[in-house]
Amino acid sequence: MKLTFASYNIHRAIGLDRRRDPERILSILHEIQADIVAIQEVDRRFGRRVSVLPPAAILKHTPYRPVPLSIRPDSIGWHGNALLVRRGIEILDASIVPLPAIEPRGAIRADLGVDGHRLRVVGMHLDLSGLRRRQQLRRVLSHVADCERGCPAVLMGDFNEWARRGGSLREFGNDWQVLAPGRSFPTRRPVAALDRIVASCDWRIIEAGVHHSALASRGSDHLPVKATLQLPNF
């Protein structure tokens, strides 16, 4: 089983040209060609926190469907986090993952069925504070460990972690593979690998990298990252 995972902080669909352009983000998602995508900052910041990517447009113009969370009627996520899965992948279960936070931060989890096998995926946007990030990752890891019978897992999102290997990343033990696909922030001249993909040791890493394109270079203040992973024993 081989799947491509991607993470993208879309900055509420506001590009470097200061225009809010949801159609541009949908086109970038087409370019990435992932099977499962974690999106951050998908909701407007104020008011009813309406999604900047309308569900109808996602279903009409992309091969994805949002993982339903039913938190707010006009949102596809929680605290700006959303998961999109390619049609044909079964959504078995989904929930929010409450995180300790001062500022609005969160994580969401989906259990997915692919070829009769169960996978657990978490999308997240972590705090600016290093101490708070470590607390948040402990909460996420505790939630992932609760998977019945144990299942392969992938965690991804904007970790806000500037350290390449240390900092909050120390929370991951030998059971995890922490990928830094490359420098993804800021878009104009990337210097930091804030966007990460972390895979349980069930997975074999095929490739990982940052998605560069003409659209992605101006679509958000982050570039998308992605990784192709394979489950050799499934």
Protein backbone atom coordinates (compact mmCIF):
# COMPACT_ATOMS: atom_id res chain seq x y z
CA MET A 1 0.00 0.00 0.00
CA LYS A 2 1.47 3.34 -1.08
CA LEU A 3 -0.10 6.71 -0.25
CA THR A 4 0.90 10.35 -0.61
CA PHE A 5 0.27 12.66 2.34
CA ALA A 6 0.43 16.46 2.21
CA SER A 7 0.19 19.36 4.63
CA TYR A 8 -0.57 22.94 3.65
CA ASN A 9 -1.10 26.09 5.71
CA ILE A 10 -3.25 28.05 3.27
CA HIS A 11 -3.26 31.32 5.30
CA ARG A 12 -7.05 31.65 4.90
CA ALA A 13 -6.50 31.54 1.10
CA ILE A 14 -4.81 34.97 1.18
CA GLY A 15 -1.82 34.98 -1.14
CA LEU A 16 1.28 37.10 -1.34
CA ASP A 17 -0.69 39.44 -3.61
CA ARG A 18 -3.00 40.03 -0.57
CA ARG A 19 -5.95 38.60 -2.48
CA ARG A 20 -8.19 35.92 -1.02
CA ASP A 21 -8.39 33.37 -3.82
CA PRO A 22 -9.94 30.01 -2.87
CA GLU A 23 -9.86 28.83 -6.50
CA ARG A 24 -6.08 29.25 -6.52
CA ILE A 25 -5.80 27.03 -3.43
CA LEU A 26 -8.01 24.40 -5.07
CA SER A 27 -5.73 24.46 -8.13
CA ILE A 28 -2.67 24.01 -5.91
CA LEU A 29 -4.34 21.01 -4.26
CA HIS A 30 -4.79 19.56 -7.76
CA GLU A 31 -1.08 20.05 -8.42
CA ILE A 32 0.00 18.29 -5.23
CA GLN A 33 -1.81 15.06 -6.22
CA ALA A 34 -1.89 13.69 -2.67
CA ASP A 35 -4.26 11.08 -1.30
CA ILE A 36 -4.72 12.71 2.11
CA VAL A 37 -4.21 16.41 2.86
CA ALA A 38 -4.07 18.26 6.18
CA ILE A 39 -4.94 21.95 5.83
CA GLN A 40 -4.33 24.70 8.37
CA GLU A 41 -5.96 28.16 8.56
CA VAL A 42 -8.90 27.01 6.47
CA ASP A 43 -11.45 29.18 8.32
CA ARG A 44 -11.94 32.92 8.45
CA ARG A 45 -10.56 34.26 11.70
CA PHE A 46 -13.58 36.20 12.94
CA GLY A 47 -17.35 35.89 13.03
CA ARG A 48 -18.86 32.49 12.27
CA ARG A 49 -15.45 31.08 11.25
CA VAL A 50 -16.76 30.25 7.78
CA SER A 51 -14.52 28.01 5.70
CA VAL A 52 -12.65 29.84 2.95
CA LEU A 53 -12.86 26.63 0.88
CA PRO A 54 -16.57 25.96 0.37
CA PRO A 55 -17.36 22.24 0.66
CA ALA A 56 -19.35 22.32 -2.58
CA ALA A 57 -16.33 23.72 -4.45
CA ILE A 58 -14.05 21.04 -2.98
CA LEU A 59 -16.41 18.30 -4.11
CA LYS A 60 -16.90 19.83 -7.56
CA HIS A 61 -13.37 20.91 -8.43
CA THR A 62 -11.07 18.48 -6.62
CA PRO A 63 -10.85 14.69 -6.15
CA TYR A 64 -11.28 15.19 -2.38
CA ARG A 65 -13.99 15.28 0.24
CA PRO A 66 -13.61 16.89 3.66
CA VAL A 67 -13.57 14.69 6.75
CA PRO A 68 -16.84 15.67 8.50
CA LEU A 69 -16.54 17.04 12.03
CA SER A 70 -19.92 18.80 12.42
CA ILE A 71 -18.54 21.45 14.77
CA ARG A 72 -19.83 24.54 12.94
CA PRO A 73 -22.32 24.51 10.05
CA ASP A 74 -20.19 26.72 7.76
CA SER A 75 -16.79 25.21 8.59
CA ILE A 76 -15.03 22.08 7.32
CA GLY A 77 -12.61 21.95 10.26
CA TRP A 78 -11.87 22.90 13.85
CA HIS A 79 -9.69 25.83 14.88
CA GLY A 80 -8.80 26.13 11.20
CA ASN A 81 -7.67 22.51 10.78
CA ALA A 82 -9.25 20.29 8.14
CA LEU A 83 -8.51 16.94 6.54
CA LEU A 84 -9.27 16.15 2.91
CA VAL A 85 -9.25 12.58 1.62
CA ARG A 86 -9.35 11.31 -1.93
CA ARG A 87 -12.66 9.78 -2.88
CA GLY A 88 -12.50 6.03 -2.58
CA ILE A 89 -10.81 6.22 0.82
CA GLU A 90 -13.29 5.25 3.53
CA ILE A 91 -13.76 7.55 6.52
CA LEU A 92 -14.30 5.21 9.48
CA ASP A 93 -14.27 7.72 12.33
CA ALA A 94 -13.27 11.30 13.08
CA SER A 95 -12.95 13.57 16.08
CA ILE A 96 -11.32 16.70 17.40
CA VAL A 97 -8.23 16.40 19.62
CA PRO A 98 -8.47 19.05 22.35
CA LEU A 99 -5.09 20.68 22.96
CA PRO A 100 -3.83 22.75 25.88
CA ALA A 101 -3.59 26.26 24.44
CA ILE A 102 -3.74 29.95 25.18
CA GLU A 103 -4.25 31.02 21.59
CA PRO A 104 -6.79 29.17 19.38
CA ARG A 105 -5.00 25.97 18.34
CA GLY A 106 -6.21 22.49 17.70
CA ALA A 107 -5.85 19.11 16.07
CA ILE A 108 -8.22 16.74 14.34
CA ARG A 109 -8.06 13.00 13.85
CA ALA A 110 -9.50 10.64 11.25
CA ASP A 111 -9.43 6.88 11.06
CA LEU A 112 -9.45 5.83 7.42
CA GLY A 113 -10.03 2.57 5.61
CA VAL A 114 -7.82 1.76 2.62
CA ASP A 115 -7.99 -1.67 0.98
CA GLY A 116 -9.52 -3.09 4.14
CA HIS A 117 -6.83 -1.68 6.46
CA ARG A 118 -7.26 0.99 9.14
CA LEU A 119 -4.99 4.08 9.25
CA ARG A 120 -4.98 6.94 11.74
CA VAL A 121 -4.22 10.48 10.51
CA VAL A 122 -3.91 13.65 12.59
CA GLY A 123 -3.76 17.20 11.25
CA MET A 124 -2.60 19.96 13.57
CA HIS A 125 -1.46 23.55 13.96
CA LEU A 126 0.73 23.91 17.04
CA ASP A 127 1.43 26.83 19.36
CA LEU A 128 4.12 29.49 18.99
CA SER A 129 5.36 28.65 22.51
CA GLY A 130 7.89 25.82 22.70
CA LEU A 131 6.64 24.63 26.09
CA ARG A 132 3.05 24.62 24.88
CA ARG A 133 4.04 22.74 21.70
CA ARG A 134 5.56 19.94 23.79
CA GLN A 135 2.39 19.70 25.88
CA GLN A 136 0.28 19.64 22.73
CA LEU A 137 2.33 16.88 21.12
CA ARG A 138 2.05 14.77 24.27
CA ARG A 139 -1.73 15.12 24.04
CA VAL A 140 -1.72 14.14 20.34
CA LEU A 141 0.53 11.11 20.95
CA SER A 142 -1.70 9.97 23.79
CA HIS A 143 -4.71 10.23 21.50
CA VAL A 144 -2.98 8.30 18.70
CA ALA A 145 -1.91 5.52 21.09
CA ASP A 146 -5.58 4.90 21.88
CA CYS A 147 -6.17 3.38 18.43
CA GLU A 148 -7.86 0.00 18.86
CA ARG A 149 -5.57 -2.91 17.91
CA GLY A 150 -2.89 -0.36 17.04
CA CYS A 151 -2.74 1.02 13.53
CA PRO A 152 -0.25 2.81 11.26
CA ALA A 153 -0.37 6.56 11.86
CA VAL A 154 0.68 9.78 10.15
CA LEU A 155 0.76 13.16 11.93
CA MET A 156 1.16 16.34 9.92
CA GLY A 157 0.67 20.05 10.01
CA ASP A 158 2.24 23.39 10.85
CA PHE A 159 4.35 22.52 13.91
CA ASN A 160 5.72 26.06 14.31
CA GLU A 161 8.98 24.36 15.27
CA TRP A 162 12.13 26.11 14.03
CA ALA A 163 14.53 23.48 15.40
CA ARG A 164 15.56 20.86 12.86
CA ARG A 165 15.66 17.97 15.32
CA GLY A 166 15.30 19.27 18.88
CA GLY A 167 12.69 21.36 20.62
CA SER A 168 9.22 19.85 20.73
CA LEU A 169 10.32 17.15 18.26
CA ARG A 170 12.02 15.40 21.17
CA GLU A 171 8.57 14.17 22.16
CA PHE A 172 8.76 11.60 19.37
CA GLY A 173 10.51 8.41 20.41
CA ASN A 174 11.94 5.54 18.42
CA ASP A 175 8.49 4.50 17.20
CA TRP A 176 8.25 7.59 15.01
CA GLN A 177 9.97 8.93 11.89
CA VAL A 178 10.08 12.73 11.89
CA LEU A 179 10.30 14.06 8.35
CA ALA A 180 11.34 17.59 7.47
CA PRO A 181 10.43 17.63 3.77
CA GLY A 182 12.22 20.97 3.37
CA ARG A 183 12.04 24.69 4.02
CA SER A 184 8.47 25.81 3.53
CA PHE A 185 8.22 29.21 5.27
CA PRO A 186 8.05 32.01 4.29
CA THR A 187 7.07 31.34 0.71
CA ARG A 188 9.07 34.13 -0.92
CA ARG A 189 12.38 32.99 0.58
CA PRO A 190 11.90 29.82 2.68
CA VAL A 191 14.24 29.56 5.67
CA ALA A 192 12.30 27.32 8.09
CA ALA A 193 10.89 23.80 7.94
CA LEU A 194 7.81 24.60 10.03
CA ASP A 195 5.59 22.16 8.16
CA ARG A 196 6.22 18.55 9.10
CA ILE A 197 5.05 15.03 8.43
CA VAL A 198 5.65 12.38 11.11
CA ALA A 199 5.04 8.69 10.37
CA SER A 200 4.91 5.68 12.65
CA CYS A 201 7.59 3.09 12.02
CA ASP A 202 5.10 0.90 10.15
CA TRP A 203 5.76 3.08 7.10
CA ARG A 204 8.61 3.02 4.62
CA ILE A 205 9.56 6.50 3.38
CA ILE A 206 9.57 6.58 -0.43
CA GLU A 207 10.12 10.31 -0.93
CA ALA A 208 9.39 13.65 0.72
CA GLY A 209 9.69 17.25 -0.39
CA VAL A 210 8.27 20.74 -0.71
CA HIS A 211 5.85 21.46 -3.53
CA HIS A 212 7.11 24.35 -5.68
CA SER A 213 5.04 25.80 -8.52
CA ALA A 214 4.10 29.19 -9.95
CA LEU A 215 0.76 29.07 -8.13
CA ALA A 216 2.18 27.79 -4.83
CA SER A 217 4.81 30.54 -4.87
CA ARG A 218 2.09 33.13 -4.30
CA GLY A 219 -0.91 31.19 -2.95
CA SER A 220 -0.02 31.44 0.78
CA ASP A 221 2.78 32.40 3.14
CA HIS A 222 3.64 28.67 3.41
CA LEU A 223 4.52 26.17 0.70
CA PRO A 224 2.85 22.74 0.75
CA VAL A 225 4.90 19.75 1.89
CA LYS A 226 4.25 16.14 0.99
CA ALA A 227 5.56 12.62 1.49
CA THR A 228 4.90 9.32 -0.25
CA LEU A 229 4.82 6.44 2.23
CA GLN A 230 4.43 2.70 1.80
CA LEU A 231 3.21 0.00 4.15
CA PRO A 232 5.36 -2.98 3.16
CA ASN A 233 3.60 -5.43 5.46
CA PHE A 234 0.07 -4.69 4.28
